[in-house]
Amino acid sequence: MLIERRESNARTHELTIQEVLTPSTIYYCLVDASWVNERELGGIGWSLYEKEGIHKLHGSSSIKPTNSALEAEATAMFMAVQQMKEAWFSTEGTIKGVRVTEAFSLLRDIKVMTKEGNFSFI
């Protein structure tokens, strides 16, 4: 997986997932959602990997319609954390500081679950 980072002079530098992870990371989780509009079913998926890229666990599901693509992504993250908690995984992730009202309750629930399940988000 490559992540693009724009530098100040408008050049793009691609980073591997290993360059983005903190040294203390044991696992990382990738989530994604498919969203068309607020009336149609969406699809979500997530995969858990060891830091070295070894696949450990994954899940996918269709979901009820959501108000936005961001809410569908938050639902995917919520379900991933929920299922990893059930499997007793400890993970470290990243949540950027984004203020959005439609996904607020899902993000709040994710935060509560992470405290209960030894997850950390930075």
PDB file of N, CA and C in Angstrom:
ATOM      1  N   MET A   1       0.840  -1.168   0.000  1.00  0.00           N
ATOM      2  CA  MET A   1       0.000   0.000   0.000  1.00  0.00           C
ATOM      3  C   MET A   1       0.885   1.231   0.000  1.00  0.00           C
ATOM      4  N   LEU A   2       0.557   2.206  -0.828  1.00  0.00           N
ATOM      5  CA  LEU A   2       1.290   3.458  -0.882  1.00  0.00           C
ATOM      6  C   LEU A   2       0.386   4.597  -0.451  1.00  0.00           C
ATOM      7  N   ILE A   3       0.960   5.541   0.252  1.00  0.00           N
ATOM      8  CA  ILE A   3       0.235   6.722   0.706  1.00  0.00           C
ATOM      9  C   ILE A   3       0.935   7.927   0.109  1.00  0.00           C
ATOM     10  N   GLU A   4       0.166   8.823  -0.495  1.00  0.00           N
ATOM     11  CA  GLU A   4       0.766  10.012  -1.086  1.00  0.00           C
ATOM     12  C   GLU A   4       0.808  11.137  -0.071  1.00  0.00           C
ATOM     13  N   ARG A   5       1.919  11.853  -0.059  1.00  0.00           N
ATOM     14  CA  ARG A   5       2.054  13.027   0.793  1.00  0.00           C
ATOM     15  C   ARG A   5       2.546  14.174  -0.078  1.00  0.00           C
ATOM     16  N   ARG A   6       1.803  15.250  -0.094  1.00  0.00           N
ATOM     17  CA  ARG A   6       2.197  16.409  -0.892  1.00  0.00           C
ATOM     18  C   ARG A   6       3.187  17.250  -0.096  1.00  0.00           C
ATOM     19  N   GLU A   7       4.269  17.585  -0.739  1.00  0.00           N
ATOM     20  CA  GLU A   7       5.265  18.438  -0.111  1.00  0.00           C
ATOM     21  C   GLU A   7       4.981  19.877  -0.497  1.00  0.00           C
ATOM     22  N   SER A   8       5.625  20.812   0.188  1.00  0.00           N
ATOM     23  CA  SER A   8       5.327  22.233  -0.004  1.00  0.00           C
ATOM     24  C   SER A   8       5.550  22.703  -1.438  1.00  0.00           C
ATOM     25  N   ASN A   9       6.457  22.099  -2.161  1.00  0.00           N
ATOM     26  CA  ASN A   9       6.707  22.517  -3.539  1.00  0.00           C
ATOM     27  C   ASN A   9       5.852  21.739  -4.540  1.00  0.00           C
ATOM     28  N   ALA A  10       4.747  21.138  -4.067  1.00  0.00           N
ATOM     29  CA  ALA A  10       3.743  20.453  -4.886  1.00  0.00           C
ATOM     30  C   ALA A  10       4.210  19.121  -5.465  1.00  0.00           C
ATOM     31  N   ARG A  11       5.380  18.646  -5.073  1.00  0.00           N
ATOM     32  CA  ARG A  11       5.789  17.300  -5.481  1.00  0.00           C
ATOM     33  C   ARG A  11       5.078  16.291  -4.591  1.00  0.00           C
ATOM     34  N   THR A  12       4.882  15.125  -5.111  1.00  0.00           N
ATOM     35  CA  THR A  12       4.246  14.059  -4.347  1.00  0.00           C
ATOM     36  C   THR A  12       5.290  13.020  -3.976  1.00  0.00           C
ATOM     37  N   HIS A  13       5.301  12.665  -2.696  1.00  0.00           N
ATOM     38  CA  HIS A  13       6.205  11.626  -2.205  1.00  0.00           C
ATOM     39  C   HIS A  13       5.355  10.456  -1.735  1.00  0.00           C
ATOM     40  N   GLU A  14       5.616   9.272  -2.255  1.00  0.00           N
ATOM     41  CA  GLU A  14       4.843   8.095  -1.867  1.00  0.00           C
ATOM     42  C   GLU A  14       5.518   7.396  -0.698  1.00  0.00           C
ATOM     43  N   LEU A  15       4.712   7.060   0.311  1.00  0.00           N
ATOM     44  CA  LEU A  15       5.202   6.370   1.496  1.00  0.00           C
ATOM     45  C   LEU A  15       4.596   4.977   1.551  1.00  0.00           C
ATOM     46  N   THR A  16       5.353   4.017   2.010  1.00  0.00           N
ATOM     47  CA  THR A  16       4.795   2.692   2.248  1.00  0.00           C
ATOM     48  C   THR A  16       4.117   2.695   3.610  1.00  0.00           C
ATOM     49  N   ILE A  17       3.260   1.729   3.857  1.00  0.00           N
ATOM     50  CA  ILE A  17       2.578   1.647   5.145  1.00  0.00           C
ATOM     51  C   ILE A  17       3.593   1.486   6.275  1.00  0.00           C
ATOM     52  N   GLN A  18       4.686   0.770   6.047  1.00  0.00           N
ATOM     53  CA  GLN A  18       5.700   0.588   7.082  1.00  0.00           C
ATOM     54  C   GLN A  18       6.366   1.907   7.464  1.00  0.00           C
ATOM     55  N   GLU A  19       6.456   2.858   6.528  1.00  0.00           N
ATOM     56  CA  GLU A  19       7.031   4.169   6.837  1.00  0.00           C
ATOM     57  C   GLU A  19       6.080   5.022   7.664  1.00  0.00           C
ATOM     58  N   VAL A  20       4.790   4.747   7.598  1.00  0.00           N
ATOM     59  CA  VAL A  20       3.781   5.529   8.303  1.00  0.00           C
ATOM     60  C   VAL A  20       3.569   5.015   9.726  1.00  0.00           C
ATOM     61  N   LEU A  21       3.732   3.718   9.944  1.00  0.00           N
ATOM     62  CA  LEU A  21       3.471   3.115  11.249  1.00  0.00           C
ATOM     63  C   LEU A  21       4.503   3.552  12.281  1.00  0.00           C
ATOM     64  N   THR A  22       4.057   3.662  13.528  1.00  0.00           N
ATOM     65  CA  THR A  22       4.974   3.992  14.620  1.00  0.00           C
ATOM     66  C   THR A  22       5.790   2.754  14.978  1.00  0.00           C
ATOM     67  N   PRO A  23       6.952   2.931  15.607  1.00  0.00           N
ATOM     68  CA  PRO A  23       7.781   1.774  15.970  1.00  0.00           C
ATOM     69  C   PRO A  23       7.082   0.779  16.900  1.00  0.00           C
ATOM     70  N   SER A  24       6.161   1.250  17.720  1.00  0.00           N
ATOM     71  CA  SER A  24       5.482   0.357  18.669  1.00  0.00           C
ATOM     72  C   SER A  24       4.293  -0.390  18.052  1.00  0.00           C
ATOM     73  N   THR A  25       3.985  -0.124  16.794  1.00  0.00           N
ATOM     74  CA  THR A  25       2.846  -0.772  16.141  1.00  0.00           C
ATOM     75  C   THR A  25       3.061  -2.278  16.028  1.00  0.00           C
ATOM     76  N   ILE A  26       2.037  -3.028  16.386  1.00  0.00           N
ATOM     77  CA  ILE A  26       2.062  -4.483  16.237  1.00  0.00           C
ATOM     78  C   ILE A  26       1.164  -4.884  15.070  1.00  0.00           C
ATOM     79  N   TYR A  27      -0.027  -4.295  15.001  1.00  0.00           N
ATOM     80  CA  TYR A  27      -1.002  -4.554  13.948  1.00  0.00           C
ATOM     81  C   TYR A  27      -1.458  -3.228  13.351  1.00  0.00           C
ATOM     82  N   TYR A  28      -1.967  -3.290  12.128  1.00  0.00           N
ATOM     83  CA  TYR A  28      -2.650  -2.141  11.549  1.00  0.00           C
ATOM     84  C   TYR A  28      -3.869  -2.645  10.792  1.00  0.00           C
ATOM     85  N   CYS A  29      -4.865  -1.780  10.698  1.00  0.00           N
ATOM     86  CA  CYS A  29      -6.133  -2.155  10.085  1.00  0.00           C
ATOM     87  C   CYS A  29      -6.464  -1.172   8.970  1.00  0.00           C
ATOM     88  N   LEU A  30      -6.854  -1.693   7.830  1.00  0.00           N
ATOM     89  CA  LEU A  30      -7.297  -0.879   6.702  1.00  0.00           C
ATOM     90  C   LEU A  30      -8.800  -1.054   6.559  1.00  0.00           C
ATOM     91  N   VAL A  31      -9.525   0.055   6.431  1.00  0.00           N
ATOM     92  CA  VAL A  31     -10.981  -0.004   6.267  1.00  0.00           C
ATOM     93  C   VAL A  31     -11.376   0.737   4.999  1.00  0.00           C
ATOM     94  N   ASP A  32     -12.495   0.334   4.424  1.00  0.00           N
ATOM     95  CA  ASP A  32     -13.005   1.019   3.241  1.00  0.00           C
ATOM     96  C   ASP A  32     -14.514   0.836   3.191  1.00  0.00           C
ATOM     97  N   ALA A  33     -15.159   1.758   2.510  1.00  0.00           N
ATOM     98  CA  ALA A  33     -16.609   1.692   2.347  1.00  0.00           C
ATOM     99  C   ALA A  33     -16.976   2.084   0.927  1.00  0.00           C
ATOM    100  N   SER A  34     -18.045   1.500   0.443  1.00  0.00           N
ATOM    101  CA  SER A  34     -18.610   1.859  -0.850  1.00  0.00           C
ATOM    102  C   SER A  34     -19.937   2.554  -0.584  1.00  0.00           C
ATOM    103  N   TRP A  35     -20.082   3.766  -1.103  1.00  0.00           N
ATOM    104  CA  TRP A  35     -21.276   4.569  -0.836  1.00  0.00           C
ATOM    105  C   TRP A  35     -21.730   5.223  -2.131  1.00  0.00           C
ATOM    106  N   VAL A  36     -23.010   5.112  -2.449  1.00  0.00           N
ATOM    107  CA  VAL A  36     -23.558   5.726  -3.657  1.00  0.00           C
ATOM    108  C   VAL A  36     -24.374   6.961  -3.293  1.00  0.00           C
ATOM    109  N   ASN A  37     -25.361   6.780  -2.431  1.00  0.00           N
ATOM    110  CA  ASN A  37     -26.181   7.896  -1.955  1.00  0.00           C
ATOM    111  C   ASN A  37     -26.888   7.464  -0.673  1.00  0.00           C
ATOM    112  N   GLU A  38     -27.649   8.389  -0.090  1.00  0.00           N
ATOM    113  CA  GLU A  38     -28.288   8.123   1.207  1.00  0.00           C
ATOM    114  C   GLU A  38     -29.500   7.190   1.119  1.00  0.00           C
ATOM    115  N   ARG A  39     -29.851   6.725  -0.061  1.00  0.00           N
ATOM    116  CA  ARG A  39     -30.998   5.823  -0.213  1.00  0.00           C
ATOM    117  C   ARG A  39     -30.602   4.379  -0.520  1.00  0.00           C
ATOM    118  N   GLU A  40     -29.363   4.149  -0.896  1.00  0.00           N
ATOM    119  CA  GLU A  40     -28.945   2.807  -1.307  1.00  0.00           C
ATOM    120  C   GLU A  40     -28.043   2.146  -0.264  1.00  0.00           C
ATOM    121  N   LEU A  41     -28.107   0.808  -0.247  1.00  0.00           N
ATOM    122  CA  LEU A  41     -27.226   0.051   0.639  1.00  0.00           C
ATOM    123  C   LEU A  41     -25.773   0.342   0.307  1.00  0.00           C
ATOM    124  N   GLY A  42     -24.928   0.274   1.306  1.00  0.00           N
ATOM    125  CA  GLY A  42     -23.496   0.448   1.105  1.00  0.00           C
ATOM    126  C   GLY A  42     -22.774  -0.856   1.388  1.00  0.00           C
ATOM    127  N   GLY A  43     -21.503  -0.854   1.136  1.00  0.00           N
ATOM    128  CA  GLY A  43     -20.681  -2.016   1.438  1.00  0.00           C
ATOM    129  C   GLY A  43     -19.452  -1.570   2.194  1.00  0.00           C
ATOM    130  N   ILE A  44     -19.009  -2.374   3.140  1.00  0.00           N
ATOM    131  CA  ILE A  44     -17.812  -2.038   3.904  1.00  0.00           C
ATOM    132  C   ILE A  44     -16.905  -3.252   3.993  1.00  0.00           C
ATOM    133  N   GLY A  45     -15.649  -2.980   4.230  1.00  0.00           N
ATOM    134  CA  GLY A  45     -14.690  -4.053   4.422  1.00  0.00           C
ATOM    135  C   GLY A  45     -13.507  -3.557   5.226  1.00  0.00           C
ATOM    136  N   TRP A  46     -12.839  -4.463   5.882  1.00  0.00           N
ATOM    137  CA  TRP A  46     -11.645  -4.130   6.639  1.00  0.00           C
ATOM    138  C   TRP A  46     -10.725  -5.338   6.683  1.00  0.00           C
ATOM    139  N   SER A  47      -9.436  -5.074   6.846  1.00  0.00           N
ATOM    140  CA  SER A  47      -8.433  -6.134   6.951  1.00  0.00           C
ATOM    141  C   SER A  47      -7.426  -5.759   8.018  1.00  0.00           C
ATOM    142  N   LEU A  48      -7.073  -6.716   8.855  1.00  0.00           N
ATOM    143  CA  LEU A  48      -6.080  -6.528   9.911  1.00  0.00           C
ATOM    144  C   LEU A  48      -4.795  -7.228   9.496  1.00  0.00           C
ATOM    145  N   TYR A  49      -3.670  -6.524   9.641  1.00  0.00           N
ATOM    146  CA  TYR A  49      -2.366  -7.046   9.263  1.00  0.00           C
ATOM    147  C   TYR A  49      -1.386  -6.888  10.410  1.00  0.00           C
ATOM    148  N   GLU A  50      -0.395  -7.787  10.464  1.00  0.00           N
ATOM    149  CA  GLU A  50       0.744  -7.571  11.335  1.00  0.00           C
ATOM    150  C   GLU A  50       1.596  -6.486  10.693  1.00  0.00           C
ATOM    151  N   LYS A  51       2.450  -5.862  11.482  1.00  0.00           N
ATOM    152  CA  LYS A  51       3.283  -4.772  10.975  1.00  0.00           C
ATOM    153  C   LYS A  51       4.066  -5.183   9.724  1.00  0.00           C
ATOM    154  N   GLU A  52       4.444  -6.440   9.648  1.00  0.00           N
ATOM    155  CA  GLU A  52       5.228  -6.929   8.514  1.00  0.00           C
ATOM    156  C   GLU A  52       4.374  -7.172   7.273  1.00  0.00           C
ATOM    157  N   GLY A  53       3.066  -6.933   7.372  1.00  0.00           N
ATOM    158  CA  GLY A  53       2.179  -7.097   6.227  1.00  0.00           C
ATOM    159  C   GLY A  53       1.484  -8.444   6.157  1.00  0.00           C
ATOM    160  N   ILE A  54       1.592  -9.252   7.203  1.00  0.00           N
ATOM    161  CA  ILE A  54       0.957 -10.574   7.220  1.00  0.00           C
ATOM    162  C   ILE A  54      -0.517 -10.423   7.580  1.00  0.00           C
ATOM    163  N   HIS A  55      -1.390 -10.910   6.710  1.00  0.00           N
ATOM    164  CA  HIS A  55      -2.839 -10.815   6.915  1.00  0.00           C
ATOM    165  C   HIS A  55      -3.253 -11.679   8.100  1.00  0.00           C
ATOM    166  N   LYS A  56      -4.038 -11.104   9.036  1.00  0.00           N
ATOM    167  CA  LYS A  56      -4.484 -11.832  10.223  1.00  0.00           C
ATOM    168  C   LYS A  56      -5.988 -12.075  10.252  1.00  0.00           C
ATOM    169  N   LEU A  57      -6.763 -11.096   9.836  1.00  0.00           N
ATOM    170  CA  LEU A  57      -8.204 -11.153  10.014  1.00  0.00           C
ATOM    171  C   LEU A  57      -8.840 -10.157   9.054  1.00  0.00           C
ATOM    172  N   HIS A  58     -10.057 -10.436   8.607  1.00  0.00           N
ATOM    173  CA  HIS A  58     -10.760  -9.475   7.753  1.00  0.00           C
ATOM    174  C   HIS A  58     -12.262  -9.659   7.919  1.00  0.00           C
ATOM    175  N   GLY A  59     -12.996  -8.681   7.457  1.00  0.00           N
ATOM    176  CA  GLY A  59     -14.445  -8.758   7.506  1.00  0.00           C
ATOM    177  C   GLY A  59     -15.059  -7.845   6.459  1.00  0.00           C
ATOM    178  N   SER A  60     -16.280  -8.151   6.074  1.00  0.00           N
ATOM    179  CA  SER A  60     -17.000  -7.300   5.127  1.00  0.00           C
ATOM    180  C   SER A  60     -18.489  -7.488   5.357  1.00  0.00           C
ATOM    181  N   SER A  61     -19.256  -6.510   4.905  1.00  0.00           N
ATOM    182  CA  SER A  61     -20.696  -6.566   5.120  1.00  0.00           C
ATOM    183  C   SER A  61     -21.380  -5.527   4.251  1.00  0.00           C
ATOM    184  N   SER A  62     -22.646  -5.750   4.002  1.00  0.00           N
ATOM    185  CA  SER A  62     -23.456  -4.668   3.442  1.00  0.00           C
ATOM    186  C   SER A  62     -24.018  -3.911   4.642  1.00  0.00           C
ATOM    187  N   ILE A  63     -24.293  -2.629   4.455  1.00  0.00           N
ATOM    188  CA  ILE A  63     -24.819  -1.812   5.547  1.00  0.00           C
ATOM    189  C   ILE A  63     -26.043  -1.047   5.067  1.00  0.00           C
ATOM    190  N   LYS A  64     -26.867  -0.675   6.030  1.00  0.00           N
ATOM    191  CA  LYS A  64     -28.033   0.150   5.712  1.00  0.00           C
ATOM    192  C   LYS A  64     -27.554   1.478   5.132  1.00  0.00           C
ATOM    193  N   PRO A  65     -28.395   2.164   4.385  1.00  0.00           N
ATOM    194  CA  PRO A  65     -28.002   3.461   3.829  1.00  0.00           C
ATOM    195  C   PRO A  65     -27.522   4.419   4.923  1.00  0.00           C
ATOM    196  N   THR A  66     -26.492   5.190   4.597  1.00  0.00           N
ATOM    197  CA  THR A  66     -25.958   6.206   5.503  1.00  0.00           C
ATOM    198  C   THR A  66     -26.082   7.573   4.842  1.00  0.00           C
ATOM    199  N   ASN A  67     -25.918   8.626   5.623  1.00  0.00           N
ATOM    200  CA  ASN A  67     -26.069   9.991   5.114  1.00  0.00           C
ATOM    201  C   ASN A  67     -24.926  10.442   4.219  1.00  0.00           C
ATOM    202  N   SER A  68     -23.759   9.825   4.370  1.00  0.00           N
ATOM    203  CA  SER A  68     -22.606  10.270   3.587  1.00  0.00           C
ATOM    204  C   SER A  68     -21.579   9.151   3.483  1.00  0.00           C
ATOM    205  N   ALA A  69     -20.619   9.350   2.593  1.00  0.00           N
ATOM    206  CA  ALA A  69     -19.521   8.398   2.459  1.00  0.00           C
ATOM    207  C   ALA A  69     -18.698   8.358   3.743  1.00  0.00           C
ATOM    208  N   LEU A  70     -18.529   9.514   4.381  1.00  0.00           N
ATOM    209  CA  LEU A  70     -17.762   9.567   5.624  1.00  0.00           C
ATOM    210  C   LEU A  70     -18.435   8.750   6.726  1.00  0.00           C
ATOM    211  N   GLU A  71     -19.747   8.819   6.802  1.00  0.00           N
ATOM    212  CA  GLU A  71     -20.468   8.025   7.796  1.00  0.00           C
ATOM    213  C   GLU A  71     -20.319   6.531   7.498  1.00  0.00           C
ATOM    214  N   ALA A  72     -20.313   6.156   6.231  1.00  0.00           N
ATOM    215  CA  ALA A  72     -20.091   4.755   5.861  1.00  0.00           C
ATOM    216  C   ALA A  72     -18.686   4.314   6.269  1.00  0.00           C
ATOM    217  N   GLU A  73     -17.686   5.175   6.067  1.00  0.00           N
ATOM    218  CA  GLU A  73     -16.311   4.870   6.484  1.00  0.00           C
ATOM    219  C   GLU A  73     -16.235   4.717   7.998  1.00  0.00           C
ATOM    220  N   ALA A  74     -16.915   5.602   8.735  1.00  0.00           N
ATOM    221  CA  ALA A  74     -16.930   5.507  10.197  1.00  0.00           C
ATOM    222  C   ALA A  74     -17.593   4.207  10.641  1.00  0.00           C
ATOM    223  N   THR A  75     -18.642   3.791   9.945  1.00  0.00           N
ATOM    224  CA  THR A  75     -19.304   2.522  10.251  1.00  0.00           C
ATOM    225  C   THR A  75     -18.343   1.359  10.029  1.00  0.00           C
ATOM    226  N   ALA A  76     -17.573   1.422   8.947  1.00  0.00           N
ATOM    227  CA  ALA A  76     -16.583   0.374   8.677  1.00  0.00           C
ATOM    228  C   ALA A  76     -15.551   0.315   9.798  1.00  0.00           C
ATOM    229  N   MET A  77     -15.084   1.484  10.248  1.00  0.00           N
ATOM    230  CA  MET A  77     -14.106   1.523  11.326  1.00  0.00           C
ATOM    231  C   MET A  77     -14.704   0.967  12.619  1.00  0.00           C
ATOM    232  N   PHE A  78     -15.939   1.351  12.899  1.00  0.00           N
ATOM    233  CA  PHE A  78     -16.623   0.874  14.098  1.00  0.00           C
ATOM    234  C   PHE A  78     -16.738  -0.652  14.088  1.00  0.00           C
ATOM    235  N   MET A  79     -17.165  -1.210  12.958  1.00  0.00           N
ATOM    236  CA  MET A  79     -17.325  -2.665  12.872  1.00  0.00           C
ATOM    237  C   MET A  79     -15.978  -3.377  12.977  1.00  0.00           C
ATOM    238  N   ALA A  80     -14.934  -2.789  12.410  1.00  0.00           N
ATOM    239  CA  ALA A  80     -13.602  -3.391  12.507  1.00  0.00           C
ATOM    240  C   ALA A  80     -13.140  -3.427  13.959  1.00  0.00           C
ATOM    241  N   VAL A  81     -13.274  -2.297  14.665  1.00  0.00           N
ATOM    242  CA  VAL A  81     -12.870  -2.247  16.071  1.00  0.00           C
ATOM    243  C   VAL A  81     -13.698  -3.229  16.889  1.00  0.00           C
ATOM    244  N   GLN A  82     -14.989  -3.272  16.622  1.00  0.00           N
ATOM    245  CA  GLN A  82     -15.885  -4.175  17.346  1.00  0.00           C
ATOM    246  C   GLN A  82     -15.459  -5.642  17.155  1.00  0.00           C
ATOM    247  N   GLN A  83     -15.170  -6.030  15.926  1.00  0.00           N
ATOM    248  CA  GLN A  83     -14.798  -7.418  15.663  1.00  0.00           C
ATOM    249  C   GLN A  83     -13.400  -7.745  16.181  1.00  0.00           C
ATOM    250  N   MET A  84     -12.473  -6.776  16.113  1.00  0.00           N
ATOM    251  CA  MET A  84     -11.144  -7.018  16.671  1.00  0.00           C
ATOM    252  C   MET A  84     -11.213  -7.135  18.188  1.00  0.00           C
ATOM    253  N   LYS A  85     -12.083  -6.335  18.801  1.00  0.00           N
ATOM    254  CA  LYS A  85     -12.263  -6.423  20.250  1.00  0.00           C
ATOM    255  C   LYS A  85     -12.765  -7.813  20.626  1.00  0.00           C
ATOM    256  N   GLU A  86     -13.716  -8.325  19.865  1.00  0.00           N
ATOM    257  CA  GLU A  86     -14.226  -9.678  20.113  1.00  0.00           C
ATOM    258  C   GLU A  86     -13.132 -10.724  19.944  1.00  0.00           C
ATOM    259  N   ALA A  87     -12.186 -10.467  19.054  1.00  0.00           N
ATOM    260  CA  ALA A  87     -11.083 -11.402  18.817  1.00  0.00           C
ATOM    261  C   ALA A  87      -9.901 -11.119  19.748  1.00  0.00           C
ATOM    262  N   TRP A  88     -10.023 -10.146  20.624  1.00  0.00           N
ATOM    263  CA  TRP A  88      -9.000  -9.777  21.612  1.00  0.00           C
ATOM    264  C   TRP A  88      -7.703  -9.285  20.989  1.00  0.00           C
ATOM    265  N   PHE A  89      -7.806  -8.520  19.923  1.00  0.00           N
ATOM    266  CA  PHE A  89      -6.620  -7.917  19.342  1.00  0.00           C
ATOM    267  C   PHE A  89      -6.357  -6.577  20.002  1.00  0.00           C
ATOM    268  N   SER A  90      -5.089  -6.229  20.127  1.00  0.00           N
ATOM    269  CA  SER A  90      -4.683  -4.911  20.603  1.00  0.00           C
ATOM    270  C   SER A  90      -4.045  -4.209  19.420  1.00  0.00           C
ATOM    271  N   THR A  91      -4.500  -3.020  19.087  1.00  0.00           N
ATOM    272  CA  THR A  91      -3.997  -2.349  17.898  1.00  0.00           C
ATOM    273  C   THR A  91      -3.767  -0.877  18.127  1.00  0.00           C
ATOM    274  N   GLU A  92      -3.065  -0.283  17.224  1.00  0.00           N
ATOM    275  CA  GLU A  92      -2.822   1.146  17.253  1.00  0.00           C
ATOM    276  C   GLU A  92      -3.220   1.703  15.906  1.00  0.00           C
ATOM    277  N   GLY A  93      -3.967   2.784  15.902  1.00  0.00           N
ATOM    278  CA  GLY A  93      -4.421   3.365  14.648  1.00  0.00           C
ATOM    279  C   GLY A  93      -4.271   4.864  14.654  1.00  0.00           C
ATOM    280  N   THR A  94      -4.724   5.481  13.621  1.00  0.00           N
ATOM    281  CA  THR A  94      -4.634   6.924  13.494  1.00  0.00           C
ATOM    282  C   THR A  94      -5.983   7.478  13.097  1.00  0.00           C
ATOM    283  N   ILE A  95      -6.415   8.486  13.819  1.00  0.00           N
ATOM    284  CA  ILE A  95      -7.602   9.237  13.438  1.00  0.00           C
ATOM    285  C   ILE A  95      -7.164  10.690  13.307  1.00  0.00           C
ATOM    286  N   LYS A  96      -7.305  11.254  12.138  1.00  0.00           N
ATOM    287  CA  LYS A  96      -6.994  12.667  11.931  1.00  0.00           C
ATOM    288  C   LYS A  96      -8.092  13.509  12.564  1.00  0.00           C
ATOM    289  N   GLY A  97      -7.749  14.711  13.020  1.00  0.00           N
ATOM    290  CA  GLY A  97      -8.737  15.578  13.642  1.00  0.00           C
ATOM    291  C   GLY A  97      -9.683  16.170  12.615  1.00  0.00           C
ATOM    292  N   VAL A  98     -10.812  15.524  12.407  1.00  0.00           N
ATOM    293  CA  VAL A  98     -11.815  15.985  11.455  1.00  0.00           C
ATOM    294  C   VAL A  98     -13.108  16.218  12.210  1.00  0.00           C
ATOM    295  N   ARG A  99     -13.724  17.360  12.010  1.00  0.00           N
ATOM    296  CA  ARG A  99     -14.974  17.658  12.696  1.00  0.00           C
ATOM    297  C   ARG A  99     -16.134  17.440  11.736  1.00  0.00           C
ATOM    298  N   VAL A 100     -16.919  16.436  12.013  1.00  0.00           N
ATOM    299  CA  VAL A 100     -18.083  16.127  11.196  1.00  0.00           C
ATOM    300  C   VAL A 100     -19.209  15.674  12.103  1.00  0.00           C
ATOM    301  N   THR A 101     -20.355  16.280  11.945  1.00  0.00           N
ATOM    302  CA  THR A 101     -21.453  15.961  12.849  1.00  0.00           C
ATOM    303  C   THR A 101     -22.104  14.629  12.537  1.00  0.00           C
ATOM    304  N   GLU A 102     -22.217  14.243  11.251  1.00  0.00           N
ATOM    305  CA  GLU A 102     -22.938  13.011  10.947  1.00  0.00           C
ATOM    306  C   GLU A 102     -22.207  11.765  11.429  1.00  0.00           C
ATOM    307  N   ALA A 103     -20.887  11.821  11.558  1.00  0.00           N
ATOM    308  CA  ALA A 103     -20.135  10.655  12.010  1.00  0.00           C
ATOM    309  C   ALA A 103     -19.738  10.766  13.483  1.00  0.00           C
ATOM    310  N   PHE A 104     -20.120  11.854  14.143  1.00  0.00           N
ATOM    311  CA  PHE A 104     -19.670  12.098  15.513  1.00  0.00           C
ATOM    312  C   PHE A 104     -20.033  10.970  16.463  1.00  0.00           C
ATOM    313  N   SER A 105     -21.270  10.511  16.428  1.00  0.00           N
ATOM    314  CA  SER A 105     -21.683   9.474  17.384  1.00  0.00           C
ATOM    315  C   SER A 105     -20.940   8.163  17.136  1.00  0.00           C
ATOM    316  N   LEU A 106     -20.680   7.833  15.879  1.00  0.00           N
ATOM    317  CA  LEU A 106     -19.912   6.619  15.590  1.00  0.00           C
ATOM    318  C   LEU A 106     -18.485   6.747  16.091  1.00  0.00           C
ATOM    319  N   LEU A 107     -17.868   7.904  15.865  1.00  0.00           N
ATOM    320  CA  LEU A 107     -16.501   8.110  16.338  1.00  0.00           C
ATOM    321  C   LEU A 107     -16.443   8.087  17.859  1.00  0.00           C
ATOM    322  N   ARG A 108     -17.454   8.653  18.520  1.00  0.00           N
ATOM    323  CA  ARG A 108     -17.514   8.619  19.985  1.00  0.00           C
ATOM    324  C   ARG A 108     -17.625   7.171  20.465  1.00  0.00           C
ATOM    325  N   ASP A 109     -18.472   6.383  19.816  1.00  0.00           N
ATOM    326  CA  ASP A 109     -18.606   4.970  20.184  1.00  0.00           C
ATOM    327  C   ASP A 109     -17.295   4.211  19.970  1.00  0.00           C
ATOM    328  N   ILE A 110     -16.604   4.515  18.883  1.00  0.00           N
ATOM    329  CA  ILE A 110     -15.313   3.878  18.620  1.00  0.00           C
ATOM    330  C   ILE A 110     -14.342   4.205  19.743  1.00  0.00           C
ATOM    331  N   LYS A 111     -14.311   5.468  20.157  1.00  0.00           N
ATOM    332  CA  LYS A 111     -13.404   5.884  21.227  1.00  0.00           C
ATOM    333  C   LYS A 111     -13.716   5.146  22.527  1.00  0.00           C
ATOM    334  N   VAL A 112     -14.987   5.014  22.856  1.00  0.00           N
ATOM    335  CA  VAL A 112     -15.384   4.293  24.075  1.00  0.00           C
ATOM    336  C   VAL A 112     -14.948   2.834  23.986  1.00  0.00           C
ATOM    337  N   MET A 113     -15.200   2.206  22.844  1.00  0.00           N
ATOM    338  CA  MET A 113     -14.829   0.796  22.683  1.00  0.00           C
ATOM    339  C   MET A 113     -13.323   0.589  22.761  1.00  0.00           C
ATOM    340  N   THR A 114     -12.551   1.544  22.246  1.00  0.00           N
ATOM    341  CA  THR A 114     -11.101   1.378  22.264  1.00  0.00           C
ATOM    342  C   THR A 114     -10.568   1.419  23.689  1.00  0.00           C
ATOM    343  N   LYS A 115     -11.168   2.252  24.534  1.00  0.00           N
ATOM    344  CA  LYS A 115     -10.735   2.309  25.933  1.00  0.00           C
ATOM    345  C   LYS A 115     -11.048   1.005  26.650  1.00  0.00           C
ATOM    346  N   GLU A 116     -12.167   0.388  26.303  1.00  0.00           N
ATOM    347  CA  GLU A 116     -12.565  -0.868  26.937  1.00  0.00           C
ATOM    348  C   GLU A 116     -11.741  -2.049  26.435  1.00  0.00           C
ATOM    349  N   GLY A 117     -11.208  -1.958  25.233  1.00  0.00           N
ATOM    350  CA  GLY A 117     -10.572  -3.117  24.609  1.00  0.00           C
ATOM    351  C   GLY A 117      -9.082  -3.008  24.384  1.00  0.00           C
ATOM    352  N   ASN A 118      -8.398  -2.078  25.053  1.00  0.00           N
ATOM    353  CA  ASN A 118      -6.952  -1.934  24.924  1.00  0.00           C
ATOM    354  C   ASN A 118      -6.520  -1.577  23.501  1.00  0.00           C
ATOM    355  N   PHE A 119      -7.301  -0.746  22.827  1.00  0.00           N
ATOM    356  CA  PHE A 119      -6.935  -0.199  21.524  1.00  0.00           C
ATOM    357  C   PHE A 119      -6.444   1.216  21.759  1.00  0.00           C
ATOM    358  N   SER A 120      -5.601   1.726  20.881  1.00  0.00           N
ATOM    359  CA  SER A 120      -5.204   3.124  21.003  1.00  0.00           C
ATOM    360  C   SER A 120      -5.222   3.777  19.635  1.00  0.00           C
ATOM    361  N   PHE A 121      -5.732   5.008  19.595  1.00  0.00           N
ATOM    362  CA  PHE A 121      -5.768   5.803  18.374  1.00  0.00           C
ATOM    363  C   PHE A 121      -4.983   7.068  18.628  1.00  0.00           C
ATOM    364  N   ILE A 122      -4.079   7.399  17.725  1.00  0.00           N
ATOM    365  CA  ILE A 122      -3.282   8.608  17.895  1.00  0.00           C
ATOM    366  C   ILE A 122      -3.523   9.545  16.747  1.00  0.00           C
TER     367      ILE A 122
END
